[in-house]
Amino acid sequence: MLSLTKEYRCDATPLSHREIVVLNLLIKVLLETWFKRLRQSHPSPTNSYLEGVGTADTEITPCKRGRVRLNGSWWSALSNSNMTIHPGQKVRVTSRQSHTLLVELSQDG
C-alpha cells in the first residue's frame, strides 16, 4: 500500500538561553544602528520648513488655540507668551508640540 504522508525529522537542537540572549542583543544593536543611519540620511524637513514669518488667521492665546498660515500651510497654534495674537499679525514659530506650533509676535513685520 502506498503511503501519502511523509515523515519529517528535525535534528536541530533548540537554542540555549544564553544563545537567545546574545541573538536578541545582536538584533537590537543592528536595528538601532540601522534606524540611527536612517534618521541621519533623512533629516526632518519640519525644522527648516517651520522657520520664517507666518500670519495669524484667528486669535491665539496661551490657552486658546488659533490658526496660522506659514509657508503655504495652515497650522494649529498657541501663543508662547502671555500676549494675545490677533488675526493678521505676523508670528514666528518658537517650538512645536506634536501638530501644534508655539508662536510669538514677530519683530519682522
Protein backbone atom coordinates (compact mmCIF):
# COMPACT_ATOMS: atom_id res chain seq x y z
CA MET A 1 0.00 0.00 0.00
CA LEU A 2 1.20 3.46 -0.89
CA SER A 3 1.68 5.96 1.97
CA LEU A 4 0.64 9.56 1.18
CA THR A 5 2.24 11.08 4.25
CA LYS A 6 5.89 11.76 4.64
CA GLU A 7 7.78 11.51 7.82
CA TYR A 8 9.78 14.63 8.69
CA ARG A 9 12.63 14.61 11.08
CA CYS A 10 14.13 17.67 12.69
CA ASP A 11 17.62 17.23 14.04
CA ALA A 12 18.03 20.88 15.05
CA THR A 13 18.79 21.40 18.69
CA PRO A 14 16.97 24.20 20.50
CA LEU A 15 18.93 27.33 21.32
CA SER A 16 20.15 27.74 24.85
CA HIS A 17 19.04 30.68 26.97
CA ARG A 18 22.46 32.32 26.56
CA GLU A 19 22.32 31.99 22.75
CA ILE A 20 18.85 33.55 22.67
CA VAL A 21 20.02 36.49 24.81
CA VAL A 22 23.07 37.06 22.60
CA LEU A 23 20.96 36.83 19.44
CA ASN A 24 18.44 39.33 20.83
CA LEU A 25 21.21 41.77 21.77
CA LEU A 26 22.75 41.47 18.32
CA ILE A 27 19.39 42.15 16.64
CA LYS A 28 18.80 45.14 18.94
CA VAL A 29 22.21 46.68 18.12
CA LEU A 30 21.72 46.13 14.39
CA LEU A 31 18.24 47.69 14.41
CA GLU A 32 19.36 50.69 16.48
CA THR A 33 22.28 51.29 14.11
CA TRP A 34 20.00 50.98 11.08
CA PHE A 35 17.40 53.41 12.50
CA LYS A 36 20.10 55.90 13.52
CA ARG A 37 21.55 55.90 9.99
CA LEU A 38 18.06 56.18 8.52
CA ARG A 39 17.30 59.27 10.63
CA GLN A 40 20.63 60.87 9.70
CA SER A 41 20.15 60.26 5.98
CA HIS A 42 16.57 61.60 6.01
CA PRO A 43 16.55 64.73 8.19
CA SER A 44 13.16 66.03 9.20
CA PRO A 45 12.05 68.82 6.87
CA THR A 46 9.93 70.39 9.59
CA ASN A 47 12.83 72.22 11.25
CA SER A 48 13.66 74.40 8.26
CA TYR A 49 10.08 74.37 6.95
CA LEU A 50 8.78 75.98 10.14
CA GLU A 51 11.24 78.87 10.00
CA GLY A 52 10.19 82.26 8.77
CA VAL A 53 7.25 84.52 9.44
CA GLY A 54 3.64 83.40 9.33
CA THR A 55 0.32 85.19 9.71
CA ALA A 56 -2.29 84.61 12.39
CA ASP A 57 -5.68 83.78 10.90
CA THR A 58 -7.58 83.69 14.20
CA GLU A 59 -6.99 84.96 17.73
CA ILE A 60 -4.29 82.96 19.52
CA THR A 61 -3.62 82.90 23.27
CA PRO A 62 -1.62 80.55 25.55
CA CYS A 63 -4.89 78.81 26.48
CA LYS A 64 -6.86 79.09 23.23
CA ARG A 65 -5.68 77.51 20.02
CA GLY A 66 -5.78 79.53 16.89
CA ARG A 67 -4.68 79.07 13.32
CA VAL A 68 -1.68 80.44 11.44
CA ARG A 69 -0.59 80.29 7.84
CA LEU A 70 3.10 79.51 7.40
CA ASN A 71 4.89 78.65 4.16
CA GLY A 72 1.61 77.96 2.38
CA SER A 73 0.20 75.61 5.05
CA TRP A 74 -2.33 76.08 7.84
CA TRP A 75 -1.24 75.12 11.35
CA SER A 76 -2.90 74.95 14.74
CA ALA A 77 -1.06 77.33 17.09
CA LEU A 78 -0.81 78.51 20.69
CA SER A 79 0.82 81.69 21.93
CA ASN A 80 4.18 81.02 23.57
CA SER A 81 3.93 84.24 25.58
CA ASN A 82 1.24 85.80 27.76
CA MET A 83 0.22 88.01 24.84
CA THR A 84 -2.85 87.60 22.70
CA ILE A 85 -2.07 87.43 19.00
CA HIS A 86 -4.77 88.93 16.80
CA PRO A 87 -5.76 87.94 13.25
CA GLY A 88 -3.44 89.45 10.65
CA GLN A 89 -0.46 89.83 12.99
CA LYS A 90 2.85 88.32 11.95
CA VAL A 91 4.14 85.41 14.04
CA ARG A 92 7.37 83.44 14.39
CA VAL A 93 7.48 79.78 15.45
CA THR A 94 9.40 79.18 18.68
CA SER A 95 8.73 75.43 19.00
CA ARG A 96 6.28 72.69 18.21
CA GLN A 97 4.19 70.27 20.29
CA SER A 98 3.04 67.46 18.02
CA HIS A 99 0.92 69.20 15.36
CA THR A 100 0.58 72.48 17.25
CA LEU A 101 3.01 75.33 16.77
CA LEU A 102 4.03 77.59 19.64
CA VAL A 103 4.31 81.09 18.24
CA GLU A 104 5.15 84.63 19.32
CA LEU A 105 4.72 88.01 17.69
CA SER A 106 7.31 88.55 15.01
CA GLN A 107 9.56 91.62 15.02
CA ASP A 108 9.84 91.32 11.21
CA GLY A 109 6.51 92.68 10.34
